[in-house]
Amino acid sequence: MPLQNRVDPFGVIHAVPERGTCMGNRGILHDDQRQLRYYHRHKAWIICTLENRDKNGELIRRTPMTPGSYTELFFLDEATALAAGHRPCARCNRQRYTEFVHFWRLANPTETGSLDDVLHRDRFAPYQRTWRPKKRTYTAPIDELPPGTFIMLNPDPSARPYLVLEESLLPWSFGGYGQPSARRTGAEVIVLTPRSTVAALAAGYRPHIFR
């Protein structure tokens, strides 16, 4: 039985067998029975590497959802994690963190709050009782969106998320991306990736995408 620790571009956490290519966390979200109890426990939603090593170079092996330890969350790729509202970890993913902060600050010069405070505002609609409505979205012309952004083509609750590339859109699933379709020039779309992260993508940050 899969654990509930796989995250979609809306930031919702599911129980599915696919693992993905990167890990992250939002704090301790599960109980002693390895059941999810919380949506998040702090504002630092991070993207980690799948493998971590100790100071001797030995691989650190973890049991997912160990009681009392942070909840390991898994994403198809970095672009999915960014859409969900996460950012690279400053410890295990330092190079990507440094790159992300550089482009994020370049693209958001008027933001005076911390990176995590701004991202939390951008990704999270408070006082929602169910998970998917917690996602803060906005509308924008598709022609203005940089590669690496996640969108929906309509507001239907069952609408599929798409990854924006230079000339095409890729339909997302936990197992990977489907066949590309052409970008719809002039279309107004619903943007899932947080606004300040989209600005960082437009400034030059390029997320890793599952191929």
N, C-alpha and C. Protein backbone atom coordinates (compact mmCIF):
# COMPACT_ATOMS: atom_id res chain seq x y z
N MET A 1 0.85 -1.19 0.00
CA MET A 1 0.00 0.00 0.00
C MET A 1 0.88 1.24 0.00
N PRO A 2 0.78 2.11 -1.03
CA PRO A 2 1.63 3.30 -1.09
C PRO A 2 1.34 4.25 0.07
N LEU A 3 2.38 4.91 0.54
CA LEU A 3 2.21 5.96 1.53
C LEU A 3 1.70 7.23 0.86
N GLN A 4 1.05 8.07 1.63
CA GLN A 4 0.54 9.32 1.08
C GLN A 4 1.65 10.37 1.14
N ASN A 5 2.51 10.35 0.12
CA ASN A 5 3.64 11.27 0.11
C ASN A 5 4.09 11.70 -1.30
N ARG A 6 3.20 11.56 -2.29
CA ARG A 6 3.51 11.98 -3.66
C ARG A 6 2.74 13.26 -3.97
N VAL A 7 3.43 14.28 -4.49
CA VAL A 7 2.86 15.61 -4.63
C VAL A 7 2.62 15.96 -6.10
N ASP A 8 1.45 16.53 -6.37
CA ASP A 8 1.13 16.96 -7.74
C ASP A 8 1.42 18.46 -7.89
N PRO A 9 1.24 19.04 -9.09
CA PRO A 9 1.56 20.45 -9.28
C PRO A 9 0.65 21.41 -8.50
N PHE A 10 -0.46 20.91 -7.98
CA PHE A 10 -1.32 21.73 -7.14
C PHE A 10 -0.82 21.79 -5.70
N GLY A 11 0.18 20.95 -5.38
CA GLY A 11 0.65 20.86 -4.01
C GLY A 11 -0.09 19.85 -3.17
N VAL A 12 -1.03 19.13 -3.78
CA VAL A 12 -1.81 18.12 -3.07
C VAL A 12 -0.98 16.85 -2.92
N ILE A 13 -1.11 16.18 -1.78
CA ILE A 13 -0.30 15.01 -1.46
C ILE A 13 -1.16 13.75 -1.62
N HIS A 14 -0.69 12.79 -2.42
CA HIS A 14 -1.45 11.60 -2.78
C HIS A 14 -0.73 10.32 -2.35
N ALA A 15 -1.47 9.23 -2.37
CA ALA A 15 -0.90 7.89 -2.18
C ALA A 15 -0.93 7.17 -3.52
N VAL A 16 0.20 7.18 -4.23
CA VAL A 16 0.33 6.51 -5.52
C VAL A 16 1.67 5.81 -5.55
N PRO A 17 1.85 4.81 -6.42
CA PRO A 17 3.10 4.04 -6.39
C PRO A 17 4.30 4.75 -7.02
N GLU A 18 4.09 5.72 -7.92
CA GLU A 18 5.22 6.37 -8.58
C GLU A 18 6.02 7.20 -7.58
N ARG A 19 7.37 7.17 -7.73
CA ARG A 19 8.24 7.84 -6.77
C ARG A 19 8.69 9.22 -7.22
N GLY A 20 9.01 9.38 -8.49
CA GLY A 20 9.50 10.66 -8.94
C GLY A 20 11.02 10.75 -8.87
N THR A 21 11.56 11.93 -9.23
CA THR A 21 12.99 12.10 -9.35
C THR A 21 13.59 13.05 -8.32
N CYS A 22 12.76 13.64 -7.48
CA CYS A 22 13.30 14.47 -6.41
C CYS A 22 12.40 14.38 -5.19
N MET A 23 12.96 14.78 -4.07
CA MET A 23 12.29 14.67 -2.78
C MET A 23 12.17 16.06 -2.18
N GLY A 24 11.35 16.20 -1.15
CA GLY A 24 11.24 17.45 -0.43
C GLY A 24 10.51 17.27 0.87
N ASN A 25 10.31 18.36 1.59
CA ASN A 25 9.50 18.25 2.81
C ASN A 25 8.92 19.60 3.20
N ARG A 26 7.93 19.52 4.08
CA ARG A 26 7.27 20.70 4.65
C ARG A 26 7.19 20.56 6.17
N GLY A 27 8.01 19.67 6.74
CA GLY A 27 7.96 19.41 8.16
C GLY A 27 7.39 18.03 8.46
N ILE A 28 7.06 17.79 9.70
CA ILE A 28 6.49 16.50 10.12
C ILE A 28 4.98 16.56 9.92
N LEU A 29 4.50 15.87 8.90
CA LEU A 29 3.08 15.92 8.52
C LEU A 29 2.32 14.67 8.92
N HIS A 30 3.03 13.61 9.36
CA HIS A 30 2.39 12.32 9.61
C HIS A 30 2.42 11.98 11.10
N ASP A 31 1.61 10.97 11.46
CA ASP A 31 1.56 10.51 12.85
C ASP A 31 2.38 9.24 13.02
N ASP A 32 2.29 8.62 14.19
CA ASP A 32 3.07 7.42 14.47
C ASP A 32 2.63 6.21 13.65
N GLN A 33 1.44 6.28 13.05
CA GLN A 33 0.95 5.20 12.18
C GLN A 33 1.26 5.50 10.71
N ARG A 34 2.10 6.50 10.46
CA ARG A 34 2.51 6.89 9.11
C ARG A 34 1.32 7.35 8.26
N GLN A 35 0.36 7.97 8.92
CA GLN A 35 -0.78 8.56 8.24
C GLN A 35 -0.63 10.07 8.21
N LEU A 36 -0.95 10.68 7.06
CA LEU A 36 -0.80 12.12 6.92
C LEU A 36 -1.86 12.84 7.77
N ARG A 37 -1.42 13.86 8.50
CA ARG A 37 -2.31 14.61 9.38
C ARG A 37 -2.32 16.10 9.08
N TYR A 38 -1.29 16.60 8.41
CA TYR A 38 -1.17 18.03 8.17
C TYR A 38 -0.82 18.30 6.71
N TYR A 39 -1.14 19.53 6.26
CA TYR A 39 -0.79 19.97 4.92
C TYR A 39 0.63 20.52 4.89
N HIS A 40 0.98 21.22 5.96
CA HIS A 40 2.34 21.72 6.13
C HIS A 40 2.51 22.10 7.60
N ARG A 41 3.79 22.23 8.04
CA ARG A 41 4.06 22.62 9.42
C ARG A 41 4.96 23.85 9.52
N HIS A 42 5.49 24.32 8.41
CA HIS A 42 6.28 25.55 8.41
C HIS A 42 6.27 26.13 6.99
N LYS A 43 6.89 27.29 6.84
CA LYS A 43 6.87 27.98 5.54
C LYS A 43 7.97 27.54 4.59
N ALA A 44 8.97 26.84 5.09
CA ALA A 44 10.09 26.41 4.24
C ALA A 44 9.73 25.10 3.56
N TRP A 45 9.11 25.21 2.38
CA TRP A 45 8.78 24.03 1.57
C TRP A 45 9.96 23.82 0.62
N ILE A 46 10.70 22.74 0.83
CA ILE A 46 11.98 22.60 0.12
C ILE A 46 11.99 21.43 -0.86
N ILE A 47 12.95 21.50 -1.81
CA ILE A 47 13.20 20.45 -2.79
C ILE A 47 14.58 19.88 -2.48
N CYS A 48 14.62 18.58 -2.22
CA CYS A 48 15.86 17.92 -1.84
C CYS A 48 16.29 16.93 -2.93
N THR A 49 17.52 16.47 -2.83
CA THR A 49 17.98 15.40 -3.70
C THR A 49 17.45 14.06 -3.17
N LEU A 50 17.33 13.08 -4.05
CA LEU A 50 16.86 11.76 -3.61
C LEU A 50 17.89 11.07 -2.72
N GLU A 51 19.17 11.35 -2.96
CA GLU A 51 20.22 10.70 -2.18
C GLU A 51 20.98 11.74 -1.37
N ASN A 52 21.19 11.43 -0.08
CA ASN A 52 22.01 12.27 0.78
C ASN A 52 23.11 11.42 1.39
N ARG A 53 24.25 12.02 1.62
CA ARG A 53 25.39 11.30 2.18
C ARG A 53 25.90 12.00 3.43
N ASP A 54 26.47 11.22 4.35
CA ASP A 54 27.03 11.79 5.56
C ASP A 54 28.41 12.37 5.28
N LYS A 55 29.10 12.87 6.32
CA LYS A 55 30.38 13.53 6.13
C LYS A 55 31.46 12.59 5.64
N ASN A 56 31.24 11.28 5.77
CA ASN A 56 32.20 10.28 5.28
C ASN A 56 31.88 9.81 3.87
N GLY A 57 30.83 10.38 3.29
CA GLY A 57 30.44 10.00 1.95
C GLY A 57 29.53 8.79 1.87
N GLU A 58 29.11 8.28 3.03
CA GLU A 58 28.24 7.11 3.05
C GLU A 58 26.79 7.53 2.80
N LEU A 59 26.11 6.70 2.00
CA LEU A 59 24.71 6.98 1.68
C LEU A 59 23.85 6.89 2.94
N ILE A 60 23.05 7.92 3.18
CA ILE A 60 22.13 7.91 4.31
C ILE A 60 20.84 7.24 3.88
N ARG A 61 20.50 6.18 4.54
CA ARG A 61 19.27 5.45 4.21
C ARG A 61 18.17 5.83 5.20
N ARG A 62 17.03 6.22 4.65
CA ARG A 62 15.90 6.63 5.48
C ARG A 62 14.70 5.74 5.23
N THR A 63 13.89 5.54 6.25
CA THR A 63 12.61 4.88 6.12
C THR A 63 11.55 5.97 6.01
N PRO A 64 10.86 6.09 4.86
CA PRO A 64 9.88 7.16 4.71
C PRO A 64 8.84 7.17 5.82
N MET A 65 8.51 8.37 6.28
CA MET A 65 7.51 8.59 7.32
C MET A 65 7.87 7.90 8.63
N THR A 66 9.16 7.92 8.98
CA THR A 66 9.57 7.44 10.29
C THR A 66 8.92 8.32 11.35
N PRO A 67 8.28 7.74 12.39
CA PRO A 67 7.66 8.56 13.44
C PRO A 67 8.65 9.54 14.05
N GLY A 68 8.22 10.79 14.17
CA GLY A 68 9.04 11.82 14.78
C GLY A 68 10.01 12.50 13.84
N SER A 69 10.10 12.05 12.58
CA SER A 69 11.01 12.65 11.60
C SER A 69 10.19 13.33 10.51
N TYR A 70 10.85 14.20 9.73
CA TYR A 70 10.11 14.92 8.70
C TYR A 70 9.50 13.97 7.68
N THR A 71 8.43 14.42 7.05
CA THR A 71 7.71 13.63 6.06
C THR A 71 8.38 13.80 4.70
N GLU A 72 8.92 12.71 4.16
CA GLU A 72 9.52 12.74 2.83
C GLU A 72 8.42 12.84 1.78
N LEU A 73 8.49 13.86 0.95
CA LEU A 73 7.55 14.05 -0.14
C LEU A 73 8.29 13.85 -1.46
N PHE A 74 7.60 13.31 -2.46
CA PHE A 74 8.25 12.98 -3.73
C PHE A 74 7.52 13.65 -4.89
N PHE A 75 8.32 14.10 -5.87
CA PHE A 75 7.82 14.84 -7.03
C PHE A 75 8.32 14.21 -8.32
N LEU A 76 7.54 14.32 -9.38
CA LEU A 76 7.98 13.83 -10.67
C LEU A 76 9.30 14.49 -11.06
N ASP A 77 9.40 15.79 -10.86
CA ASP A 77 10.62 16.52 -11.22
C ASP A 77 10.63 17.87 -10.51
N GLU A 78 11.69 18.63 -10.75
CA GLU A 78 11.82 19.93 -10.08
C GLU A 78 10.75 20.91 -10.52
N ALA A 79 10.37 20.87 -11.80
CA ALA A 79 9.32 21.77 -12.28
C ALA A 79 8.01 21.53 -11.54
N THR A 80 7.69 20.26 -11.27
CA THR A 80 6.48 19.93 -10.51
C THR A 80 6.57 20.47 -9.09
N ALA A 81 7.73 20.29 -8.47
CA ALA A 81 7.92 20.77 -7.10
C ALA A 81 7.81 22.29 -7.01
N LEU A 82 8.38 22.99 -7.99
CA LEU A 82 8.25 24.44 -8.01
C LEU A 82 6.80 24.87 -8.15
N ALA A 83 6.05 24.19 -9.01
CA ALA A 83 4.63 24.51 -9.18
C ALA A 83 3.87 24.30 -7.88
N ALA A 84 4.23 23.26 -7.14
CA ALA A 84 3.56 22.97 -5.86
C ALA A 84 3.88 24.01 -4.80
N GLY A 85 4.89 24.84 -5.03
CA GLY A 85 5.23 25.89 -4.09
C GLY A 85 6.53 25.67 -3.35
N HIS A 86 7.31 24.67 -3.74
CA HIS A 86 8.59 24.39 -3.08
C HIS A 86 9.72 25.16 -3.75
N ARG A 87 10.87 25.19 -3.07
CA ARG A 87 12.09 25.79 -3.63
C ARG A 87 13.26 24.90 -3.22
N PRO A 88 14.41 24.99 -3.92
CA PRO A 88 15.53 24.10 -3.61
C PRO A 88 16.03 24.25 -2.16
N CYS A 89 16.48 23.14 -1.60
CA CYS A 89 17.00 23.10 -0.24
C CYS A 89 18.39 23.75 -0.20
N ALA A 90 18.64 24.56 0.82
CA ALA A 90 19.93 25.24 0.94
C ALA A 90 21.03 24.33 1.46
N ARG A 91 20.66 23.14 1.97
CA ARG A 91 21.68 22.25 2.52
C ARG A 91 22.07 21.16 1.51
N CYS A 92 21.15 20.27 1.17
CA CYS A 92 21.50 19.15 0.30
C CYS A 92 21.48 19.52 -1.17
N ASN A 93 20.85 20.63 -1.50
CA ASN A 93 20.66 21.03 -2.90
C ASN A 93 21.23 22.44 -3.10
N ARG A 94 22.41 22.68 -2.52
CA ARG A 94 22.94 24.03 -2.38
C ARG A 94 23.14 24.74 -3.72
N GLN A 95 23.67 24.05 -4.71
CA GLN A 95 23.91 24.71 -5.99
C GLN A 95 22.62 25.21 -6.62
N ARG A 96 21.60 24.36 -6.60
CA ARG A 96 20.32 24.76 -7.18
C ARG A 96 19.69 25.88 -6.34
N TYR A 97 19.84 25.82 -5.02
CA TYR A 97 19.32 26.87 -4.15
C TYR A 97 19.97 28.21 -4.50
N THR A 98 21.28 28.21 -4.64
CA THR A 98 22.00 29.45 -4.95
C THR A 98 21.54 30.01 -6.29
N GLU A 99 21.38 29.16 -7.28
CA GLU A 99 20.91 29.60 -8.59
C GLU A 99 19.49 30.16 -8.49
N PHE A 100 18.63 29.44 -7.77
CA PHE A 100 17.24 29.88 -7.65
C PHE A 100 17.15 31.23 -6.96
N VAL A 101 17.86 31.39 -5.84
CA VAL A 101 17.82 32.65 -5.11
C VAL A 101 18.33 33.79 -5.98
N HIS A 102 19.39 33.55 -6.76
CA HIS A 102 19.92 34.59 -7.65
C HIS A 102 18.85 35.08 -8.61
N PHE A 103 18.20 34.16 -9.31
CA PHE A 103 17.19 34.57 -10.30
C PHE A 103 15.93 35.09 -9.63
N TRP A 104 15.58 34.52 -8.47
CA TRP A 104 14.37 34.97 -7.77
C TRP A 104 14.54 36.41 -7.30
N ARG A 105 15.70 36.74 -6.72
CA ARG A 105 15.94 38.11 -6.27
C ARG A 105 16.04 39.07 -7.45
N LEU A 106 16.66 38.62 -8.53
CA LEU A 106 16.76 39.44 -9.73
C LEU A 106 15.38 39.78 -10.28
N ALA A 107 14.47 38.81 -10.22
CA ALA A 107 13.14 38.97 -10.82
C ALA A 107 12.13 39.62 -9.88
N ASN A 108 12.43 39.67 -8.59
CA ASN A 108 11.48 40.20 -7.61
C ASN A 108 12.16 41.27 -6.75
N PRO A 109 12.66 42.34 -7.37
CA PRO A 109 13.46 43.31 -6.62
C PRO A 109 12.68 44.11 -5.58
N THR A 110 11.37 44.18 -5.72
CA THR A 110 10.59 44.99 -4.77
C THR A 110 10.12 44.19 -3.57
N GLU A 111 10.35 42.88 -3.57
CA GLU A 111 9.94 42.06 -2.43
C GLU A 111 10.89 42.29 -1.26
N THR A 112 10.34 42.69 -0.13
CA THR A 112 11.15 42.95 1.05
C THR A 112 11.12 41.80 2.06
N GLY A 113 10.17 40.90 1.92
CA GLY A 113 10.08 39.77 2.83
C GLY A 113 11.07 38.69 2.48
N SER A 114 11.16 37.69 3.36
CA SER A 114 12.04 36.55 3.08
C SER A 114 11.49 35.73 1.93
N LEU A 115 12.37 34.96 1.31
CA LEU A 115 11.97 34.09 0.22
C LEU A 115 10.81 33.20 0.63
N ASP A 116 10.91 32.55 1.79
CA ASP A 116 9.87 31.62 2.22
C ASP A 116 8.57 32.34 2.58
N ASP A 117 8.65 33.53 3.14
CA ASP A 117 7.43 34.30 3.43
C ASP A 117 6.69 34.65 2.14
N VAL A 118 7.43 35.09 1.14
CA VAL A 118 6.80 35.48 -0.12
C VAL A 118 6.22 34.26 -0.83
N LEU A 119 6.98 33.16 -0.87
CA LEU A 119 6.46 31.95 -1.51
C LEU A 119 5.23 31.43 -0.79
N HIS A 120 5.21 31.53 0.53
CA HIS A 120 4.05 31.05 1.27
C HIS A 120 2.80 31.87 0.94
N ARG A 121 2.98 33.15 0.79
CA ARG A 121 1.87 34.01 0.37
C ARG A 121 1.40 33.65 -1.02
N ASP A 122 2.36 33.39 -1.92
CA ASP A 122 2.03 33.12 -3.32
C ASP A 122 1.37 31.76 -3.54
N ARG A 123 1.67 30.79 -2.70
CA ARG A 123 1.22 29.42 -2.98
C ARG A 123 0.02 29.00 -2.16
N PHE A 124 -0.30 29.72 -1.11
CA PHE A 124 -1.17 29.16 -0.08
C PHE A 124 -2.35 30.07 0.21
N ALA A 125 -3.57 29.56 -0.03
CA ALA A 125 -4.79 30.28 0.34
C ALA A 125 -5.26 29.75 1.69
N PRO A 126 -5.22 30.55 2.75
CA PRO A 126 -5.56 30.05 4.08
C PRO A 126 -7.05 29.79 4.25
N TYR A 127 -7.37 29.08 5.32
CA TYR A 127 -8.76 28.83 5.76
C TYR A 127 -9.56 27.99 4.78
N GLN A 128 -8.90 27.13 4.03
CA GLN A 128 -9.59 26.19 3.14
C GLN A 128 -9.58 24.82 3.80
N ARG A 129 -10.71 24.14 3.78
CA ARG A 129 -10.83 22.87 4.49
C ARG A 129 -10.35 21.67 3.67
N THR A 130 -10.36 21.79 2.36
CA THR A 130 -9.87 20.71 1.52
C THR A 130 -8.62 21.17 0.78
N TRP A 131 -7.79 20.23 0.34
CA TRP A 131 -6.44 20.54 -0.09
C TRP A 131 -6.34 21.28 -1.40
N ARG A 132 -7.03 20.84 -2.43
CA ARG A 132 -6.81 21.49 -3.73
C ARG A 132 -7.19 22.97 -3.73
N PRO A 133 -8.29 23.38 -3.03
CA PRO A 133 -8.59 24.82 -2.99
C PRO A 133 -7.55 25.65 -2.24
N LYS A 134 -6.65 25.01 -1.50
CA LYS A 134 -5.58 25.77 -0.83
C LYS A 134 -4.62 26.40 -1.83
N LYS A 135 -4.57 25.87 -3.02
CA LYS A 135 -3.63 26.35 -4.02
C LYS A 135 -4.04 27.74 -4.51
N ARG A 136 -3.14 28.72 -4.37
CA ARG A 136 -3.39 30.05 -4.88
C ARG A 136 -2.95 30.10 -6.36
N THR A 137 -3.84 30.47 -7.24
CA THR A 137 -3.55 30.54 -8.68
C THR A 137 -3.84 31.96 -9.19
N TYR A 138 -3.47 32.19 -10.43
CA TYR A 138 -3.82 33.45 -11.08
C TYR A 138 -3.92 33.21 -12.58
N THR A 139 -4.51 34.15 -13.30
CA THR A 139 -4.63 34.01 -14.75
C THR A 139 -3.62 34.91 -15.45
N ALA A 140 -3.16 34.45 -16.63
CA ALA A 140 -2.18 35.21 -17.41
C ALA A 140 -2.25 34.76 -18.86
N PRO A 141 -1.86 35.61 -19.79
CA PRO A 141 -1.75 35.19 -21.19
C PRO A 141 -0.63 34.15 -21.33
N ILE A 142 -0.89 33.09 -22.03
CA ILE A 142 0.11 32.02 -22.15
C ILE A 142 1.38 32.51 -22.83
N ASP A 143 1.26 33.53 -23.70
CA ASP A 143 2.43 34.04 -24.42
C ASP A 143 3.44 34.71 -23.47
N GLU A 144 3.00 35.08 -22.27
CA GLU A 144 3.88 35.76 -21.33
C GLU A 144 4.57 34.79 -20.37
N LEU A 145 4.25 33.51 -20.45
CA LEU A 145 4.75 32.55 -19.47
C LEU A 145 6.04 31.88 -19.95
N PRO A 146 7.03 31.77 -19.08
CA PRO A 146 8.31 31.15 -19.46
C PRO A 146 8.24 29.64 -19.40
N PRO A 147 9.14 28.94 -20.09
CA PRO A 147 9.22 27.48 -19.97
C PRO A 147 9.45 27.08 -18.51
N GLY A 148 8.81 25.97 -18.13
CA GLY A 148 8.92 25.49 -16.76
C GLY A 148 7.73 25.83 -15.90
N THR A 149 6.82 26.66 -16.43
CA THR A 149 5.60 27.05 -15.71
C THR A 149 4.53 25.97 -15.88
N PHE A 150 3.75 25.74 -14.83
CA PHE A 150 2.60 24.84 -14.92
C PHE A 150 1.31 25.65 -15.01
N ILE A 151 0.40 25.17 -15.86
CA ILE A 151 -0.87 25.85 -16.08
C ILE A 151 -2.03 24.86 -16.13
N MET A 152 -3.25 25.41 -16.07
CA MET A 152 -4.46 24.70 -16.48
C MET A 152 -5.10 25.49 -17.61
N LEU A 153 -5.75 24.79 -18.52
CA LEU A 153 -6.37 25.46 -19.66
C LEU A 153 -7.78 25.94 -19.36
N ASN A 154 -8.38 25.43 -18.28
CA ASN A 154 -9.70 25.88 -17.87
C ASN A 154 -9.85 25.66 -16.37
N PRO A 155 -10.85 26.30 -15.73
CA PRO A 155 -10.97 26.23 -14.27
C PRO A 155 -11.69 25.00 -13.74
N ASP A 156 -12.04 24.07 -14.62
CA ASP A 156 -12.73 22.86 -14.16
C ASP A 156 -11.89 22.15 -13.10
N PRO A 157 -12.50 21.73 -11.97
CA PRO A 157 -11.73 21.07 -10.90
C PRO A 157 -10.99 19.82 -11.34
N SER A 158 -11.45 19.18 -12.43
CA SER A 158 -10.79 17.97 -12.91
C SER A 158 -9.80 18.27 -14.04
N ALA A 159 -9.58 19.55 -14.35
CA ALA A 159 -8.70 19.91 -15.46
C ALA A 159 -7.28 19.41 -15.20
N ARG A 160 -6.64 18.96 -16.27
CA ARG A 160 -5.29 18.41 -16.17
C ARG A 160 -4.25 19.53 -16.17
N PRO A 161 -3.19 19.40 -15.38
CA PRO A 161 -2.12 20.39 -15.45
C PRO A 161 -1.21 20.14 -16.65
N TYR A 162 -0.68 21.23 -17.19
CA TYR A 162 0.25 21.16 -18.33
C TYR A 162 1.52 21.92 -17.98
N LEU A 163 2.63 21.40 -18.47
CA LEU A 163 3.91 22.09 -18.36
C LEU A 163 4.15 22.89 -19.63
N VAL A 164 4.48 24.16 -19.48
CA VAL A 164 4.75 25.03 -20.61
C VAL A 164 6.20 24.87 -21.06
N LEU A 165 6.39 24.59 -22.33
CA LEU A 165 7.72 24.61 -22.95
C LEU A 165 7.76 25.73 -23.98
N GLU A 166 8.89 25.85 -24.70
CA GLU A 166 9.04 26.95 -25.66
C GLU A 166 7.93 26.95 -26.71
N GLU A 167 7.67 25.79 -27.31
CA GLU A 167 6.71 25.72 -28.41
C GLU A 167 5.54 24.79 -28.15
N SER A 168 5.50 24.16 -26.99
CA SER A 168 4.48 23.14 -26.76
C SER A 168 4.06 23.09 -25.29
N LEU A 169 3.02 22.29 -25.05
CA LEU A 169 2.52 22.01 -23.71
C LEU A 169 2.62 20.51 -23.48
N LEU A 170 3.03 20.10 -22.27
CA LEU A 170 3.12 18.69 -21.93
C LEU A 170 2.10 18.36 -20.85
N PRO A 171 1.18 17.42 -21.11
CA PRO A 171 0.24 17.02 -20.07
C PRO A 171 0.96 16.21 -18.98
N TRP A 172 0.68 16.55 -17.73
CA TRP A 172 1.38 15.96 -16.59
C TRP A 172 0.64 14.76 -16.03
N SER A 173 1.40 13.77 -15.50
CA SER A 173 0.84 12.69 -14.68
C SER A 173 1.93 12.27 -13.70
N PHE A 174 1.57 11.47 -12.70
CA PHE A 174 2.57 11.01 -11.73
C PHE A 174 3.65 10.17 -12.40
N GLY A 175 3.30 9.49 -13.49
CA GLY A 175 4.27 8.63 -14.16
C GLY A 175 5.12 9.32 -15.21
N GLY A 176 4.79 10.56 -15.55
CA GLY A 176 5.54 11.27 -16.58
C GLY A 176 4.64 12.16 -17.41
N TYR A 177 5.18 12.66 -18.50
CA TYR A 177 4.43 13.57 -19.37
C TYR A 177 3.89 12.83 -20.59
N GLY A 178 2.72 13.30 -21.05
CA GLY A 178 2.12 12.73 -22.25
C GLY A 178 2.64 13.40 -23.50
N GLN A 179 1.97 13.13 -24.60
CA GLN A 179 2.37 13.68 -25.89
C GLN A 179 2.19 15.20 -25.91
N PRO A 180 3.17 15.92 -26.46
CA PRO A 180 3.07 17.38 -26.48
C PRO A 180 1.98 17.87 -27.43
N SER A 181 1.44 19.03 -27.10
CA SER A 181 0.52 19.73 -27.99
C SER A 181 1.04 21.15 -28.16
N ALA A 182 0.60 21.81 -29.20
CA ALA A 182 1.09 23.15 -29.50
C ALA A 182 0.60 24.15 -28.46
N ARG A 183 1.44 25.13 -28.14
CA ARG A 183 1.02 26.23 -27.29
C ARG A 183 -0.09 27.00 -27.98
N ARG A 184 -1.11 27.38 -27.23
CA ARG A 184 -2.26 28.07 -27.81
C ARG A 184 -2.02 29.58 -27.72
N THR A 185 -1.47 30.14 -28.76
CA THR A 185 -1.13 31.55 -28.77
C THR A 185 -2.36 32.40 -28.49
N GLY A 186 -2.20 33.36 -27.56
CA GLY A 186 -3.28 34.28 -27.24
C GLY A 186 -4.22 33.79 -26.17
N ALA A 187 -4.07 32.56 -25.73
CA ALA A 187 -5.00 32.01 -24.74
C ALA A 187 -4.72 32.57 -23.34
N GLU A 188 -5.76 32.78 -22.57
CA GLU A 188 -5.66 33.14 -21.17
C GLU A 188 -5.73 31.84 -20.37
N VAL A 189 -4.77 31.60 -19.51
CA VAL A 189 -4.69 30.32 -18.79
C VAL A 189 -4.59 30.56 -17.30
N ILE A 190 -4.81 29.50 -16.54
CA ILE A 190 -4.69 29.54 -15.08
C ILE A 190 -3.30 29.05 -14.71
N VAL A 191 -2.56 29.85 -13.99
CA VAL A 191 -1.17 29.54 -13.65
C VAL A 191 -1.11 28.90 -12.27
N LEU A 192 -0.44 27.74 -12.20
CA LEU A 192 -0.28 27.01 -10.94
C LEU A 192 1.02 27.37 -10.23
N THR A 193 2.08 27.58 -10.98
CA THR A 193 3.37 27.92 -10.38
C THR A 193 3.26 29.28 -9.70
N PRO A 194 3.75 29.43 -8.47
CA PRO A 194 3.65 30.72 -7.76
C PRO A 194 4.19 31.87 -8.59
N ARG A 195 3.55 33.02 -8.44
CA ARG A 195 3.86 34.18 -9.27
C ARG A 195 5.33 34.59 -9.19
N SER A 196 5.90 34.62 -7.98
CA SER A 196 7.29 35.05 -7.85
C SER A 196 8.25 34.01 -8.44
N THR A 197 7.86 32.73 -8.40
CA THR A 197 8.68 31.69 -9.04
C THR A 197 8.61 31.80 -10.55
N VAL A 198 7.44 32.11 -11.10
CA VAL A 198 7.33 32.33 -12.54
C VAL A 198 8.25 33.47 -12.97
N ALA A 199 8.33 34.51 -12.16
CA ALA A 199 9.23 35.62 -12.46
C ALA A 199 10.69 35.15 -12.49
N ALA A 200 11.05 34.25 -11.56
CA ALA A 200 12.41 33.70 -11.55
C ALA A 200 12.67 32.86 -12.80
N LEU A 201 11.68 32.10 -13.25
CA LEU A 201 11.82 31.33 -14.48
C LEU A 201 12.01 32.27 -15.67
N ALA A 202 11.25 33.36 -15.70
CA ALA A 202 11.38 34.32 -16.80
C ALA A 202 12.74 34.99 -16.79
N ALA A 203 13.34 35.11 -15.59
CA ALA A 203 14.65 35.75 -15.48
C ALA A 203 15.79 34.83 -15.88
N GLY A 204 15.50 33.53 -16.00
CA GLY A 204 16.55 32.62 -16.47
C GLY A 204 16.73 31.32 -15.71
N TYR A 205 16.00 31.12 -14.59
CA TYR A 205 16.14 29.83 -13.89
C TYR A 205 15.48 28.74 -14.71
N ARG A 206 16.17 27.60 -14.87
CA ARG A 206 15.66 26.50 -15.66
C ARG A 206 15.53 25.26 -14.78
N PRO A 207 14.30 24.86 -14.48
CA PRO A 207 14.12 23.69 -13.62
C PRO A 207 14.43 22.38 -14.35
N HIS A 208 14.81 21.37 -13.60
CA HIS A 208 14.98 20.05 -14.17
C HIS A 208 13.61 19.46 -14.50
N ILE A 209 13.51 18.89 -15.69
CA ILE A 209 12.25 18.33 -16.19
C ILE A 209 12.44 16.86 -16.50
N PHE A 210 11.52 16.03 -16.05
CA PHE A 210 11.59 14.60 -16.28
C PHE A 210 11.45 14.29 -17.77
N ARG A 211 12.36 13.49 -18.30
CA ARG A 211 12.32 13.11 -19.72
C ARG A 211 12.27 11.60 -19.85
